Structures are given as structure tokens and as C-alpha cells.
Amino acid sequence: MKNEQIIVYTTNDCIECMMVKQVLTNEGIAFEVRNVAASPAYQKEVEKYGFLGVPVTVLGDRAVKGFTNELKELMELAKGGKE
């Protein structure tokens, strides 16, 4: 999983989205931002993971909604912690 890119689905003026991006940045975890407001295709990707809103953070086949303990687990995976 170490080589996989984290993707953060976000939208404009989303406080929780900004928090997720800030935490990832603080942890030194690289990520790609996909703004669902800018692209209907990104919104469809979010829905494919079973979510309607953002932030949704994706690593490989795992998707996490919001700013939760699951996000922390995903970050550990991204840093090469627990496999």
C-alpha cells in the first residue's frame, strides 16, 4: 500500500475537508485533491464508494468519510504502518 496515492474528495468551503487536508499535510502524507464541485466525474467516483457527501479519503480500495478514527487508520496505512 505504500506506493498508493491517497485521494481526498473535497468541495469548496468545506471545513471538514480543510481539516482532513491539513492533518495529512502535517503528517507529511502526499495526497491528490479532487474537487467534486469542479467535476461531475469526481462526484460519481464518491458515489461509487457509497457516499453522497465529502470529505471522502481513499487509499487503494478503502474509502473513509469525514474526519474520524477510520481516517487515522488510513493514514497509518499510507505511512506504511499496519498492513
Protein backbone atom coordinates (compact mmCIF):
# COMPACT_ATOMS: atom_id res chain seq x y z
CA MET A 1 0.00 0.00 0.00
CA LYS A 2 2.97 2.30 0.47
CA ASN A 3 3.05 3.21 -3.22
CA GLU A 4 -0.63 4.03 -3.49
CA GLN A 5 -1.72 7.65 -3.58
CA ILE A 6 -4.27 8.99 -1.13
CA ILE A 7 -7.12 10.85 -2.80
CA VAL A 8 -9.18 13.40 -0.91
CA TYR A 9 -12.55 14.25 -2.43
CA THR A 10 -13.46 17.77 -1.37
CA THR A 11 -15.60 20.74 -2.28
CA ASN A 12 -15.47 24.50 -1.86
CA ASP A 13 -15.92 25.97 1.63
CA CYS A 14 -15.89 22.59 3.38
CA ILE A 15 -14.40 22.98 6.87
CA GLU A 16 -14.11 19.23 7.47
CA CYS A 17 -12.37 18.85 4.08
CA MET A 18 -9.83 21.51 5.07
CA MET A 19 -9.21 19.69 8.37
CA VAL A 20 -8.53 16.39 6.58
CA LYS A 21 -6.11 18.04 4.14
CA GLN A 22 -4.34 19.89 6.99
CA VAL A 23 -3.84 16.71 9.03
CA LEU A 24 -2.48 14.82 6.01
CA THR A 25 -0.13 17.72 5.25
CA ASN A 26 1.03 17.90 8.90
CA GLU A 27 1.75 14.15 8.82
CA GLY A 28 3.77 14.51 5.62
CA ILE A 29 1.39 12.30 3.64
CA ALA A 30 1.12 13.17 -0.04
CA PHE A 31 -2.39 13.28 -1.46
CA GLU A 32 -4.33 14.27 -4.54
CA VAL A 33 -7.28 16.63 -4.19
CA ARG A 34 -10.38 16.01 -6.31
CA ASN A 35 -12.95 18.79 -6.06
CA VAL A 36 -16.44 17.38 -6.68
CA ALA A 37 -17.77 20.90 -7.31
CA ALA A 38 -15.40 21.22 -10.27
CA SER A 39 -16.07 17.82 -11.82
CA PRO A 40 -19.24 15.72 -12.04
CA ALA A 41 -16.96 12.73 -12.69
CA TYR A 42 -15.42 13.16 -9.23
CA GLN A 43 -18.90 13.25 -7.67
CA LYS A 44 -19.68 9.96 -9.43
CA GLU A 45 -16.45 8.47 -8.02
CA VAL A 46 -17.54 9.46 -4.49
CA GLU A 47 -20.94 7.86 -5.06
CA LYS A 48 -19.22 4.70 -6.33
CA TYR A 49 -17.70 4.38 -2.84
CA GLY A 50 -21.19 4.63 -1.38
CA PHE A 51 -21.06 8.22 -0.15
CA LEU A 52 -23.01 11.30 -1.14
CA GLY A 53 -21.02 13.95 0.70
CA VAL A 54 -17.40 14.88 1.29
CA PRO A 55 -14.73 14.72 2.56
CA VAL A 56 -14.04 11.21 1.39
CA THR A 57 -10.47 9.98 1.72
CA VAL A 58 -9.44 6.99 -0.40
CA LEU A 59 -6.40 4.73 -0.26
CA GLY A 60 -6.47 1.75 -2.58
CA ASP A 61 -9.86 0.10 -2.15
CA ARG A 62 -10.59 1.71 1.25
CA ALA A 63 -12.72 4.82 1.46
CA VAL A 64 -13.40 6.81 4.63
CA LYS A 65 -15.98 9.56 5.05
CA GLY A 66 -15.23 12.52 7.27
CA PHE A 67 -12.71 13.24 9.98
CA THR A 68 -12.83 10.01 12.03
CA ASN A 69 -10.75 7.28 13.63
CA GLU A 70 -11.02 5.41 10.34
CA LEU A 71 -9.13 8.31 8.75
CA LYS A 72 -6.32 7.79 11.29
CA GLU A 73 -6.17 4.10 10.32
CA LEU A 74 -5.95 5.05 6.65
CA MET A 75 -3.11 7.47 7.45
CA GLU A 76 -1.21 4.69 9.26
CA LEU A 77 -1.58 2.51 6.18
CA ALA A 78 -0.36 5.34 3.97
CA LYS A 79 2.71 5.78 6.16
CA GLY A 80 3.45 2.07 5.87
CA GLY A 81 2.33 1.21 9.38
CA LYS A 82 -0.22 -1.56 9.69
CA GLU A 83 -0.77 -3.61 6.57
